[in-house]
Amino acid sequence: MPADRRTFLASAALTAAASRLTAAQPAPLRVGFVGVGSRGTALLRNFLDAKLGDVVAVCDIKPEHAQRAVTLVTGAGQKAPQVFDDWKKLLELKQVQAVVSALPCDLHAQNYLDVIAAGKDLYG
């Protein structure tokens, strides 16, 4: 599947899922983004453009990716999110209701299991 189509499909799924969640909740959806490289940044931009909720945390092992995400979030008029380099620390945050995961394939299973075990909604 071409990268453009993959990004579109992931963005559409994220938008639809977040719309359903926000419709059922009076408060904005509070989301953590895990993996904010190229794909994660595209998903983050779509989330912010659609005004689907608040980005309260970002996680990436590369500080430059995390900082770029913080800049995008604050540039969209939101409060600066907390930054982590370990997704398990992000998952400890009570205010994170849902996680958008954009990690390399070899990390999907463990990340997904950790997110589910933490009782968070998962969008990957």
Foldseek 3Di string as FASTA:
>chain_A
DDPVVVLVVLLVVVVVVLVVVCVVDVAAAEEEEEDQDDSSVSSLLSCLVVVSGADAEYEALDVVSLVVSQCSRVVSVHDRHHYYPDVLVVLPDPSHQAYEYDDPPVCVPVVVVSNVVSVHHYRD
